[in-house]
Amino acid sequence: MDIYAGNLAWATNDDSLRAAFEAYGEVTSARVVVDHVSRRSKGFGFVEMPNEEEAKAAVEALNGSE
């Protein structure tokens, strides 16, 4: 399941995004979108989790969290 992760802290990177979702199951990929010029996070990213049940649990748990 592909998951959009928005409103991320500027300090969030691929590894910290992956770690947040791995607490709920297997993560295939986690990527924070960065500006090509400034190399700063754009504040959103994408996470791919192969198990839909785990993905839904992660979304429910992390939605609205900081």
C-alpha atoms as a PDB file:
ATOM      1  CA  MET A   1       0.000   0.000   0.000  1.00  0.00           C
ATOM      2  CA  ASP A   2       1.368   3.423  -0.936  1.00  0.00           C
ATOM      3  CA  ILE A   3       0.930   6.058   1.761  1.00  0.00           C
ATOM      4  CA  TYR A   4       1.209   9.833   1.439  1.00  0.00           C
ATOM      5  CA  ALA A   5       2.774  11.383   4.561  1.00  0.00           C
ATOM      6  CA  GLY A   6       2.169  15.118   4.787  1.00  0.00           C
ATOM      7  CA  ASN A   7       2.961  17.983   7.124  1.00  0.00           C
ATOM      8  CA  LEU A   8       6.313  16.468   8.035  1.00  0.00           C
ATOM      9  CA  ALA A   9       8.783  18.364  10.193  1.00  0.00           C
ATOM     10  CA  TRP A  10      11.587  19.939   8.158  1.00  0.00           C
ATOM     11  CA  ALA A  11      14.098  17.723  10.002  1.00  0.00           C
ATOM     12  CA  THR A  12      12.390  14.505   8.847  1.00  0.00           C
ATOM     13  CA  ASN A  13      14.552  12.415   6.533  1.00  0.00           C
ATOM     14  CA  ASP A  14      14.084   9.068   4.793  1.00  0.00           C
ATOM     15  CA  ASP A  15      15.437   7.112   7.758  1.00  0.00           C
ATOM     16  CA  SER A  16      13.281   8.795  10.405  1.00  0.00           C
ATOM     17  CA  LEU A  17      10.179   8.458   8.209  1.00  0.00           C
ATOM     18  CA  ARG A  18      10.921   4.758   7.737  1.00  0.00           C
ATOM     19  CA  ALA A  19      11.469   4.281  11.483  1.00  0.00           C
ATOM     20  CA  ALA A  20       8.128   5.878  12.341  1.00  0.00           C
ATOM     21  CA  PHE A  21       6.245   3.475  10.062  1.00  0.00           C
ATOM     22  CA  GLU A  22       8.358   0.380  10.855  1.00  0.00           C
ATOM     23  CA  ALA A  23       6.939   0.451  14.364  1.00  0.00           C
ATOM     24  CA  TYR A  24       3.735  -0.874  12.742  1.00  0.00           C
ATOM     25  CA  GLY A  25       5.141  -3.377  10.250  1.00  0.00           C
ATOM     26  CA  GLU A  26       7.364  -3.973   7.233  1.00  0.00           C
ATOM     27  CA  VAL A  27       8.275  -0.936   5.134  1.00  0.00           C
ATOM     28  CA  THR A  28       9.385  -1.489   1.545  1.00  0.00           C
ATOM     29  CA  SER A  29      10.415   2.119   0.962  1.00  0.00           C
ATOM     30  CA  ALA A  30      10.216   5.535   2.594  1.00  0.00           C
ATOM     31  CA  ARG A  31      11.107   8.752   0.796  1.00  0.00           C
ATOM     32  CA  VAL A  32      10.907  12.386   1.858  1.00  0.00           C
ATOM     33  CA  VAL A  33      10.538  14.713  -1.134  1.00  0.00           C
ATOM     34  CA  VAL A  34      13.264  17.365  -1.222  1.00  0.00           C
ATOM     35  CA  ASP A  35      13.721  20.543  -3.222  1.00  0.00           C
ATOM     36  CA  HIS A  36      16.396  19.987  -5.872  1.00  0.00           C
ATOM     37  CA  VAL A  37      17.935  23.435  -5.453  1.00  0.00           C
ATOM     38  CA  SER A  38      17.945  23.944  -1.676  1.00  0.00           C
ATOM     39  CA  ARG A  39      18.039  20.203  -0.762  1.00  0.00           C
ATOM     40  CA  ARG A  40      15.467  20.976   1.984  1.00  0.00           C
ATOM     41  CA  SER A  41      12.457  18.805   2.664  1.00  0.00           C
ATOM     42  CA  LYS A  42       9.247  19.932   1.004  1.00  0.00           C
ATOM     43  CA  GLY A  43       7.343  18.691   4.072  1.00  0.00           C
ATOM     44  CA  PHE A  44       5.873  15.528   2.598  1.00  0.00           C
ATOM     45  CA  GLY A  45       6.881  12.067   1.534  1.00  0.00           C
ATOM     46  CA  PHE A  46       5.742   8.598   0.557  1.00  0.00           C
ATOM     47  CA  VAL A  47       5.898   5.262   2.351  1.00  0.00           C
ATOM     48  CA  GLU A  48       5.267   1.855   0.826  1.00  0.00           C
ATOM     49  CA  MET A  49       4.113  -0.997   3.037  1.00  0.00           C
ATOM     50  CA  PRO A  50       3.315  -4.414   1.495  1.00  0.00           C
ATOM     51  CA  ASN A  51       0.820  -5.496   4.184  1.00  0.00           C
ATOM     52  CA  GLU A  52      -2.423  -3.503   3.950  1.00  0.00           C
ATOM     53  CA  GLU A  53      -3.464  -4.274   7.545  1.00  0.00           C
ATOM     54  CA  GLU A  54      -0.161  -2.968   8.909  1.00  0.00           C
ATOM     55  CA  ALA A  55      -0.355   0.070   6.637  1.00  0.00           C
ATOM     56  CA  LYS A  56      -3.844   0.957   7.867  1.00  0.00           C
ATOM     57  CA  ALA A  57      -2.722   0.545  11.485  1.00  0.00           C
ATOM     58  CA  ALA A  58       0.237   2.863  10.860  1.00  0.00           C
ATOM     59  CA  VAL A  59      -1.932   5.511   9.205  1.00  0.00           C
ATOM     60  CA  GLU A  60      -4.472   5.416  12.055  1.00  0.00           C
ATOM     61  CA  ALA A  61      -1.769   5.619  14.719  1.00  0.00           C
ATOM     62  CA  LEU A  62       0.373   8.293  13.065  1.00  0.00           C
ATOM     63  CA  ASN A  63      -2.392  10.503  11.662  1.00  0.00           C
ATOM     64  CA  GLY A  64      -2.201  13.838  13.456  1.00  0.00           C
ATOM     65  CA  SER A  65       0.924  12.932  15.437  1.00  0.00           C
ATOM     66  CA  GLU A  66       4.021  15.101  15.579  1.00  0.00           C
END
